[in-house]
Every structure is written in C-alpha cells, then in structure tokens.
Amino acid sequence: MLNLCSVSLLLLALLFLYFFTSRYYLLSSLLVLESLVLMLLIFTITISFTMFGTLSMYLFVLTLSVSEAAIGLSLLVSYGKYKGSDLMLSTTVQG
C-alpha cells in the first residue's frame, strides 16, 4: 500500500508540472486536471484504507471530482461557442 501511495504522489507532482506548462488548449488542460483528480482518488483510497478503514473520504473526493468535471465541461462548451476554438493563446486578460 505504501508503494502505491508513493507512486500516486509522484504522478501527482508530475501532472502538476505538466498542467502549469500546458498553455495552448483548454481541452488538454482539462484532461490533465481530470488525471490529477484520478491520482488524488487513488491516493485517498490508499490513505483511507490504511488510516481509517472506511471509504468516506473517497466518496467525498469522488463527489467533488464529478462536479468539477461537469463544471469544466460546461465551461469548455461555453468558451468554444464564444470564441470558436479552445485555443487559450487567443485570449487576453485586460485589467
């Protein structure tokens, strides 16, 4: 179990680095975020079984990941309708 926990933490760190360097397409950023959530689910499963013996934390993270996926998909569709593409380089932030 500890080996699976360390592998999931390593993958979390690598996916965080990839997420912060991917700046071109919104869809690829959302896919990286979904894989981050999947690694977080694996991490919470291992922690829940070793420390608590229940899956209550896993169900909480699973609920948040489903809502995050739905919000991300709706934002992607809205952005695609507004801009015509999911290319993030075409947007500028005006302050």
Foldseek 3Di string as FASTA:
>chain_A
DVVLLVVLVVVLVVLVVVLVPDQFFLVVNLVSVLVNLVSVLSNLVVCCCVPPNDCPVSVVSVVVSVVVNVVSVVVQVVVCVVPVGRTRVVDDDDD
